[in-house]
PDB file of N, CA and C in Angstrom:
ATOM      1  N   UNK A   1    -217.948 156.953 -44.907  1.00  0.00           N
ATOM      2  CA  UNK A   1    -216.822 156.039 -44.945  1.00  0.00           C
ATOM      3  C   UNK A   1    -217.246 154.623 -44.565  1.00  0.00           C
ATOM      4  N   UNK A   2    -218.206 154.535 -43.646  1.00  0.00           N
ATOM      5  CA  UNK A   2    -218.664 153.221 -43.207  1.00  0.00           C
ATOM      6  C   UNK A   2    -219.286 152.440 -44.376  1.00  0.00           C
ATOM      7  N   UNK A   3    -220.024 153.152 -45.212  1.00  0.00           N
ATOM      8  CA  UNK A   3    -220.668 152.494 -46.353  1.00  0.00           C
ATOM      9  C   UNK A   3    -219.619 151.996 -47.348  1.00  0.00           C
ATOM     10  N   UNK A   4    -218.554 152.743 -47.515  1.00  0.00           N
ATOM     11  CA  UNK A   4    -217.485 152.335 -48.431  1.00  0.00           C
ATOM     12  C   UNK A   4    -216.882 151.020 -47.964  1.00  0.00           C
ATOM     13  N   UNK A   5    -216.657 150.901 -46.666  1.00  0.00           N
ATOM     14  CA  UNK A   5    -216.083 149.673 -46.118  1.00  0.00           C
ATOM     15  C   UNK A   5    -217.056 148.501 -46.290  1.00  0.00           C
ATOM     16  N   UNK A   6    -218.351 148.760 -46.111  1.00  0.00           N
ATOM     17  CA  UNK A   6    -219.354 147.705 -46.295  1.00  0.00           C
ATOM     18  C   UNK A   6    -219.413 147.246 -47.749  1.00  0.00           C
ATOM     19  N   UNK A   7    -219.338 148.177 -48.688  1.00  0.00           N
ATOM     20  CA  UNK A   7    -219.347 147.819 -50.109  1.00  0.00           C
ATOM     21  C   UNK A   7    -218.100 147.001 -50.450  1.00  0.00           C
ATOM     22  N   UNK A   8    -216.953 147.439 -49.953  1.00  0.00           N
ATOM     23  CA  UNK A   8    -215.705 146.711 -50.190  1.00  0.00           C
ATOM     24  C   UNK A   8    -215.803 145.295 -49.624  1.00  0.00           C
ATOM     25  N   UNK A   9    -216.327 145.153 -48.432  1.00  0.00           N
ATOM     26  CA  UNK A   9    -216.509 143.827 -47.835  1.00  0.00           C
ATOM     27  C   UNK A   9    -217.445 142.964 -48.672  1.00  0.00           C
ATOM     28  N   UNK A  10    -218.507 143.578 -49.203  1.00  0.00           N
ATOM     29  CA  UNK A  10    -219.441 142.847 -50.059  1.00  0.00           C
ATOM     30  C   UNK A  10    -218.777 142.347 -51.330  1.00  0.00           C
ATOM     31  N   UNK A  11    -217.940 143.177 -51.906  1.00  0.00           N
ATOM     32  CA  UNK A  11    -217.215 142.775 -53.121  1.00  0.00           C
ATOM     33  C   UNK A  11    -216.267 141.621 -52.799  1.00  0.00           C
ATOM     34  N   UNK A  12    -215.583 141.707 -51.676  1.00  0.00           N
ATOM     35  CA  UNK A  12    -214.660 140.623 -51.306  1.00  0.00           C
ATOM     36  C   UNK A  12    -215.399 139.325 -51.016  1.00  0.00           C
ATOM     37  N   UNK A  13    -216.615 139.412 -50.462  1.00  0.00           N
ATOM     38  CA  UNK A  13    -217.409 138.183 -50.259  1.00  0.00           C
ATOM     39  C   UNK A  13    -217.754 137.541 -51.593  1.00  0.00           C
ATOM     40  N   UNK A  14    -218.023 138.372 -52.599  1.00  0.00           N
ATOM     41  CA  UNK A  14    -218.324 137.824 -53.926  1.00  0.00           C
ATOM     42  C   UNK A  14    -217.078 137.202 -54.555  1.00  0.00           C
ATOM     43  N   UNK A  15    -215.918 137.768 -54.281  1.00  0.00           N
ATOM     44  CA  UNK A  15    -214.663 137.217 -54.811  1.00  0.00           C
ATOM     45  C   UNK A  15    -214.481 135.777 -54.335  1.00  0.00           C
ATOM     46  N   UNK A  16    -214.930 135.486 -53.121  1.00  0.00           N
ATOM     47  CA  UNK A  16    -214.803 134.119 -52.589  1.00  0.00           C
ATOM     48  C   UNK A  16    -215.598 133.101 -53.386  1.00  0.00           C
ATOM     49  N   UNK A  17    -216.591 133.555 -54.139  1.00  0.00           N
ATOM     50  CA  UNK A  17    -217.410 132.648 -54.945  1.00  0.00           C
ATOM     51  C   UNK A  17    -216.752 132.290 -56.275  1.00  0.00           C
ATOM     52  N   UNK A  18    -215.733 133.032 -56.639  1.00  0.00           N
ATOM     53  CA  UNK A  18    -215.068 132.817 -57.924  1.00  0.00           C
ATOM     54  C   UNK A  18    -214.159 131.591 -57.863  1.00  0.00           C
ATOM     55  N   UNK A  19    -213.771 131.070 -59.027  1.00  0.00           N
ATOM     56  CA  UNK A  19    -212.820 129.954 -59.045  1.00  0.00           C
ATOM     57  C   UNK A  19    -211.537 130.334 -58.300  1.00  0.00           C
ATOM     58  N   UNK A  20    -210.956 129.361 -57.619  1.00  0.00           N
ATOM     59  CA  UNK A  20    -209.803 129.603 -56.737  1.00  0.00           C
ATOM     60  C   UNK A  20    -208.643 130.300 -57.447  1.00  0.00           C
ATOM     61  N   UNK A  21    -208.394 129.966 -58.694  1.00  0.00           N
ATOM     62  CA  UNK A  21    -207.241 130.552 -59.392  1.00  0.00           C
ATOM     63  C   UNK A  21    -207.463 132.013 -59.793  1.00  0.00           C
ATOM     64  N   UNK A  22    -208.710 132.492 -59.744  1.00  0.00           N
ATOM     65  CA  UNK A  22    -208.994 133.888 -60.116  1.00  0.00           C
ATOM     66  C   UNK A  22    -209.129 134.805 -58.906  1.00  0.00           C
ATOM     67  N   UNK A  23    -209.295 134.256 -57.721  1.00  0.00           N
ATOM     68  CA  UNK A  23    -209.549 135.066 -56.526  1.00  0.00           C
ATOM     69  C   UNK A  23    -208.461 136.092 -56.238  1.00  0.00           C
ATOM     70  N   UNK A  24    -207.180 135.715 -56.270  1.00  0.00           N
ATOM     71  CA  UNK A  24    -206.154 136.731 -55.961  1.00  0.00           C
ATOM     72  C   UNK A  24    -206.199 137.933 -56.906  1.00  0.00           C
ATOM     73  N   UNK A  25    -206.428 137.675 -58.189  1.00  0.00           N
ATOM     74  CA  UNK A  25    -206.488 138.767 -59.165  1.00  0.00           C
ATOM     75  C   UNK A  25    -207.623 139.729 -58.836  1.00  0.00           C
ATOM     76  N   UNK A  26    -208.841 139.205 -58.635  1.00  0.00           N
ATOM     77  CA  UNK A  26    -209.989 140.073 -58.395  1.00  0.00           C
ATOM     78  C   UNK A  26    -209.936 140.729 -57.022  1.00  0.00           C
ATOM     79  N   UNK A  27    -209.360 140.071 -56.024  1.00  0.00           N
ATOM     80  CA  UNK A  27    -209.201 140.694 -54.708  1.00  0.00           C
ATOM     81  C   UNK A  27    -208.245 141.883 -54.806  1.00  0.00           C
ATOM     82  N   UNK A  28    -207.162 141.701 -55.551  1.00  0.00           N
ATOM     83  CA  UNK A  28    -206.205 142.787 -55.736  1.00  0.00           C
ATOM     84  C   UNK A  28    -206.834 143.924 -56.540  1.00  0.00           C
ATOM     85  N   UNK A  29    -207.590 143.579 -57.579  1.00  0.00           N
ATOM     86  CA  UNK A  29    -208.266 144.574 -58.409  1.00  0.00           C
ATOM     87  C   UNK A  29    -209.236 145.396 -57.558  1.00  0.00           C
ATOM     88  N   UNK A  30    -210.012 144.734 -56.718  1.00  0.00           N
ATOM     89  CA  UNK A  30    -210.969 145.435 -55.858  1.00  0.00           C
ATOM     90  C   UNK A  30    -210.246 146.353 -54.883  1.00  0.00           C
ATOM     91  N   UNK A  31    -209.190 145.856 -54.269  1.00  0.00           N
ATOM     92  CA  UNK A  31    -208.434 146.664 -53.313  1.00  0.00           C
ATOM     93  C   UNK A  31    -207.883 147.920 -53.982  1.00  0.00           C
ATOM     94  N   UNK A  32    -207.300 147.759 -55.158  1.00  0.00           N
ATOM     95  CA  UNK A  32    -206.740 148.911 -55.868  1.00  0.00           C
ATOM     96  C   UNK A  32    -207.821 149.919 -56.242  1.00  0.00           C
ATOM     97  N   UNK A  33    -208.982 149.438 -56.667  1.00  0.00           N
ATOM     98  CA  UNK A  33    -210.066 150.357 -57.016  1.00  0.00           C
ATOM     99  C   UNK A  33    -210.555 151.135 -55.813  1.00  0.00           C
ATOM    100  N   UNK A  34    -210.720 150.465 -54.690  1.00  0.00           N
ATOM    101  CA  UNK A  34    -211.219 151.166 -53.517  1.00  0.00           C
ATOM    102  C   UNK A  34    -210.182 152.131 -52.953  1.00  0.00           C
ATOM    103  N   UNK A  35    -208.922 151.817 -53.091  1.00  0.00           N
ATOM    104  CA  UNK A  35    -207.875 152.752 -52.682  1.00  0.00           C
ATOM    105  C   UNK A  35    -207.919 153.975 -53.593  1.00  0.00           C
ATOM    106  N   UNK A  36    -208.129 153.753 -54.874  1.00  0.00           N
ATOM    107  CA  UNK A  36    -208.202 154.869 -55.823  1.00  0.00           C
ATOM    108  C   UNK A  36    -209.443 155.732 -55.598  1.00  0.00           C
ATOM    109  N   UNK A  37    -210.522 155.154 -55.059  1.00  0.00           N
ATOM    110  CA  UNK A  37    -211.741 155.925 -54.803  1.00  0.00           C
ATOM    111  C   UNK A  37    -211.490 157.035 -53.797  1.00  0.00           C
ATOM    112  N   UNK A  38    -210.504 156.854 -52.915  1.00  0.00           N
ATOM    113  CA  UNK A  38    -210.192 157.899 -51.932  1.00  0.00           C
ATOM    114  C   UNK A  38    -209.696 159.160 -52.618  1.00  0.00           C
ATOM    115  N   UNK A  39    -209.136 159.001 -53.798  1.00  0.00           N
ATOM    116  CA  UNK A  39    -208.532 160.127 -54.498  1.00  0.00           C
ATOM    117  C   UNK A  39    -209.454 160.758 -55.544  1.00  0.00           C
ATOM    118  N   UNK A  40    -210.682 160.268 -55.635  1.00  0.00           N
ATOM    119  CA  UNK A  40    -211.623 160.770 -56.629  1.00  0.00           C
ATOM    120  C   UNK A  40    -212.115 162.153 -56.223  1.00  0.00           C
ATOM    121  N   UNK A  41    -212.194 163.032 -57.201  1.00  0.00           N
ATOM    122  CA  UNK A  41    -212.710 164.382 -56.968  1.00  0.00           C
ATOM    123  C   UNK A  41    -214.218 164.285 -56.752  1.00  0.00           C
ATOM    124  N   UNK A  42    -214.666 164.558 -55.549  1.00  0.00           N
ATOM    125  CA  UNK A  42    -216.079 164.407 -55.192  1.00  0.00           C
ATOM    126  C   UNK A  42    -216.984 165.367 -55.961  1.00  0.00           C
ATOM    127  N   UNK A  43    -216.434 166.462 -56.471  1.00  0.00           N
ATOM    128  CA  UNK A  43    -217.268 167.400 -57.214  1.00  0.00           C
ATOM    129  C   UNK A  43    -217.624 166.851 -58.597  1.00  0.00           C
ATOM    130  N   UNK A  44    -216.796 165.987 -59.143  1.00  0.00           N
ATOM    131  CA  UNK A  44    -217.049 165.442 -60.480  1.00  0.00           C
ATOM    132  C   UNK A  44    -217.792 164.110 -60.436  1.00  0.00           C
ATOM    133  N   UNK A  45    -217.485 163.274 -59.454  1.00  0.00           N
ATOM    134  CA  UNK A  45    -218.063 161.945 -59.373  1.00  0.00           C
ATOM    135  C   UNK A  45    -218.591 161.722 -57.959  1.00  0.00           C
ATOM    136  N   UNK A  46    -219.853 161.322 -57.867  1.00  0.00           N
ATOM    137  CA  UNK A  46    -220.410 161.078 -56.545  1.00  0.00           C
ATOM    138  C   UNK A  46    -220.109 159.651 -56.101  1.00  0.00           C
ATOM    139  N   UNK A  47    -220.159 159.434 -54.805  1.00  0.00           N
ATOM    140  CA  UNK A  47    -219.946 158.094 -54.277  1.00  0.00           C
ATOM    141  C   UNK A  47    -221.011 157.135 -54.790  1.00  0.00           C
ATOM    142  N   UNK A  48    -222.228 157.628 -54.990  1.00  0.00           N
ATOM    143  CA  UNK A  48    -223.298 156.774 -55.513  1.00  0.00           C
ATOM    144  C   UNK A  48    -222.937 156.222 -56.887  1.00  0.00           C
ATOM    145  N   UNK A  49    -222.310 157.043 -57.713  1.00  0.00           N
ATOM    146  CA  UNK A  49    -221.872 156.574 -59.027  1.00  0.00           C
ATOM    147  C   UNK A  49    -220.795 155.496 -58.890  1.00  0.00           C
ATOM    148  N   UNK A  50    -219.893 155.682 -57.937  1.00  0.00           N
ATOM    149  CA  UNK A  50    -218.841 154.696 -57.719  1.00  0.00           C
ATOM    150  C   UNK A  50    -219.414 153.387 -57.190  1.00  0.00           C
ATOM    151  N   UNK A  51    -220.407 153.472 -56.312  1.00  0.00           N
ATOM    152  CA  UNK A  51    -221.053 152.260 -55.817  1.00  0.00           C
ATOM    153  C   UNK A  51    -221.788 151.549 -56.942  1.00  0.00           C
ATOM    154  N   UNK A  52    -222.436 152.320 -57.821  1.00  0.00           N
ATOM    155  CA  UNK A  52    -223.116 151.733 -58.986  1.00  0.00           C
ATOM    156  C   UNK A  52    -222.108 151.008 -59.871  1.00  0.00           C
ATOM    157  N   UNK A  53    -220.959 151.637 -60.088  1.00  0.00           N
ATOM    158  CA  UNK A  53    -219.908 151.035 -60.908  1.00  0.00           C
ATOM    159  C   UNK A  53    -219.390 149.748 -60.276  1.00  0.00           C
ATOM    160  N   UNK A  54    -219.183 149.752 -58.961  1.00  0.00           N
ATOM    161  CA  UNK A  54    -218.709 148.556 -58.253  1.00  0.00           C
ATOM    162  C   UNK A  54    -219.728 147.426 -58.370  1.00  0.00           C
ATOM    163  N   UNK A  55    -220.995 147.756 -58.228  1.00  0.00           N
ATOM    164  CA  UNK A  55    -222.049 146.744 -58.341  1.00  0.00           C
ATOM    165  C   UNK A  55    -222.121 146.184 -59.757  1.00  0.00           C
ATOM    166  N   UNK A  56    -222.120 147.065 -60.746  1.00  0.00           N
ATOM    167  CA  UNK A  56    -222.197 146.610 -62.143  1.00  0.00           C
ATOM    168  C   UNK A  56    -220.997 145.746 -62.519  1.00  0.00           C
ATOM    169  N   UNK A  57    -219.819 146.134 -62.073  1.00  0.00           N
ATOM    170  CA  UNK A  57    -218.636 145.345 -62.389  1.00  0.00           C
ATOM    171  C   UNK A  57    -218.705 143.989 -61.700  1.00  0.00           C
ATOM    172  N   UNK A  58    -219.207 143.959 -60.479  1.00  0.00           N
ATOM    173  CA  UNK A  58    -219.362 142.688 -59.769  1.00  0.00           C
ATOM    174  C   UNK A  58    -220.305 141.764 -60.518  1.00  0.00           C
ATOM    175  N   UNK A  59    -221.407 142.308 -61.027  1.00  0.00           N
ATOM    176  CA  UNK A  59    -222.338 141.491 -61.817  1.00  0.00           C
ATOM    177  C   UNK A  59    -221.672 140.951 -63.067  1.00  0.00           C
ATOM    178  N   UNK A  60    -220.875 141.771 -63.717  1.00  0.00           N
ATOM    179  CA  UNK A  60    -220.181 141.349 -64.928  1.00  0.00           C
ATOM    180  C   UNK A  60    -219.233 140.186 -64.632  1.00  0.00           C
ATOM    181  N   UNK A  61    -218.490 140.287 -63.544  1.00  0.00           N
ATOM    182  CA  UNK A  61    -217.543 139.223 -63.182  1.00  0.00           C
ATOM    183  C   UNK A  61    -218.296 137.945 -62.823  1.00  0.00           C
ATOM    184  N   UNK A  62    -219.388 138.067 -62.073  1.00  0.00           N
ATOM    185  CA  UNK A  62    -220.174 136.881 -61.727  1.00  0.00           C
ATOM    186  C   UNK A  62    -220.705 136.198 -62.979  1.00  0.00           C
ATOM    187  N   UNK A  63    -221.199 136.988 -63.908  1.00  0.00           N
ATOM    188  CA  UNK A  63    -221.726 136.426 -65.155  1.00  0.00           C
ATOM    189  C   UNK A  63    -220.610 135.751 -65.954  1.00  0.00           C
ATOM    190  N   UNK A  64    -219.437 136.356 -65.954  1.00  0.00           N
ATOM    191  CA  UNK A  64    -218.295 135.803 -66.684  1.00  0.00           C
ATOM    192  C   UNK A  64    -217.966 134.390 -66.204  1.00  0.00           C
ATOM    193  N   UNK A  65    -218.118 134.152 -64.909  1.00  0.00           N
ATOM    194  CA  UNK A  65    -217.808 132.840 -64.335  1.00  0.00           C
ATOM    195  C   UNK A  65    -219.057 132.015 -64.047  1.00  0.00           C
ATOM    196  N   UNK A  66    -220.166 132.368 -64.687  1.00  0.00           N
ATOM    197  CA  UNK A  66    -221.429 131.632 -64.604  1.00  0.00           C
ATOM    198  C   UNK A  66    -221.928 131.456 -63.174  1.00  0.00           C
ATOM    199  N   UNK A  67    -221.816 132.500 -62.383  1.00  0.00           N
ATOM    200  CA  UNK A  67    -222.339 132.499 -61.021  1.00  0.00           C
ATOM    201  C   UNK A  67    -223.609 133.327 -61.032  1.00  0.00           C
ATOM    202  N   UNK A  68    -224.647 132.806 -60.422  1.00  0.00           N
ATOM    203  CA  UNK A  68    -225.953 133.453 -60.414  1.00  0.00           C
ATOM    204  C   UNK A  68    -225.868 134.862 -59.814  1.00  0.00           C
ATOM    205  N   UNK A  69    -226.516 135.796 -60.476  1.00  0.00           N
ATOM    206  CA  UNK A  69    -226.501 137.190 -60.035  1.00  0.00           C
ATOM    207  C   UNK A  69    -227.136 137.384 -58.670  1.00  0.00           C
ATOM    208  N   UNK A  70    -227.948 136.447 -58.247  1.00  0.00           N
ATOM    209  CA  UNK A  70    -228.598 136.580 -56.940  1.00  0.00           C
ATOM    210  C   UNK A  70    -227.577 136.587 -55.805  1.00  0.00           C
ATOM    211  N   UNK A  71    -226.372 136.124 -56.070  1.00  0.00           N
ATOM    212  CA  UNK A  71    -225.309 136.164 -55.072  1.00  0.00           C
ATOM    213  C   UNK A  71    -224.956 137.597 -54.702  1.00  0.00           C
ATOM    214  N   UNK A  72    -225.278 138.535 -55.565  1.00  0.00           N
ATOM    215  CA  UNK A  72    -224.934 139.938 -55.332  1.00  0.00           C
ATOM    216  C   UNK A  72    -226.072 140.735 -54.700  1.00  0.00           C
ATOM    217  N   UNK A  73    -227.113 140.061 -54.235  1.00  0.00           N
ATOM    218  CA  UNK A  73    -228.247 140.772 -53.638  1.00  0.00           C
ATOM    219  C   UNK A  73    -227.835 141.599 -52.424  1.00  0.00           C
ATOM    220  N   UNK A  74    -226.992 141.041 -51.566  1.00  0.00           N
ATOM    221  CA  UNK A  74    -226.540 141.770 -50.373  1.00  0.00           C
ATOM    222  C   UNK A  74    -225.766 143.025 -50.775  1.00  0.00           C
ATOM    223  N   UNK A  75    -224.889 142.885 -51.778  1.00  0.00           N
ATOM    224  CA  UNK A  75    -224.141 144.037 -52.264  1.00  0.00           C
ATOM    225  C   UNK A  75    -225.088 145.091 -52.833  1.00  0.00           C
ATOM    226  N   UNK A  76    -226.108 144.654 -53.537  1.00  0.00           N
ATOM    227  CA  UNK A  76    -227.084 145.585 -54.103  1.00  0.00           C
ATOM    228  C   UNK A  76    -227.783 146.375 -53.003  1.00  0.00           C
ATOM    229  N   UNK A  77    -228.149 145.688 -51.923  1.00  0.00           N
ATOM    230  CA  UNK A  77    -228.806 146.364 -50.794  1.00  0.00           C
ATOM    231  C   UNK A  77    -227.881 147.428 -50.198  1.00  0.00           C
ATOM    232  N   UNK A  78    -226.609 147.094 -50.053  1.00  0.00           N
ATOM    233  CA  UNK A  78    -225.650 148.036 -49.464  1.00  0.00           C
ATOM    234  C   UNK A  78    -225.451 149.233 -50.391  1.00  0.00           C
ATOM    235  N   UNK A  79    -225.254 148.960 -51.668  1.00  0.00           N
ATOM    236  CA  UNK A  79    -224.935 150.030 -52.630  1.00  0.00           C
ATOM    237  C   UNK A  79    -226.097 151.003 -52.821  1.00  0.00           C
ATOM    238  N   UNK A  80    -227.309 150.517 -52.756  1.00  0.00           N
ATOM    239  CA  UNK A  80    -228.451 151.356 -53.109  1.00  0.00           C
ATOM    240  C   UNK A  80    -229.340 151.701 -51.926  1.00  0.00           C
ATOM    241  N   UNK A  81    -228.814 151.604 -50.711  1.00  0.00           N
ATOM    242  CA  UNK A  81    -229.635 151.975 -49.545  1.00  0.00           C
ATOM    243  C   UNK A  81    -229.696 153.460 -49.359  1.00  0.00           C
TER     244      UNK A  81
END
């Protein structure tokens, strides 16, 4: 559970790098996804897969707003430790 909170915090730190008018949308999107992760059937999907998905989606959003992917290095360390 501690790792889930760290990943969520990492995603929210990346949201702060986005343009001001997009931050509320992506913060809400992240919150809803992490709330939904609590309900995921662990036998079908592992937490590692969910962390991979969170990282990949974060990279996609950063690229969409022309923010260097290196901003997600901390998140990568958390997700893949």
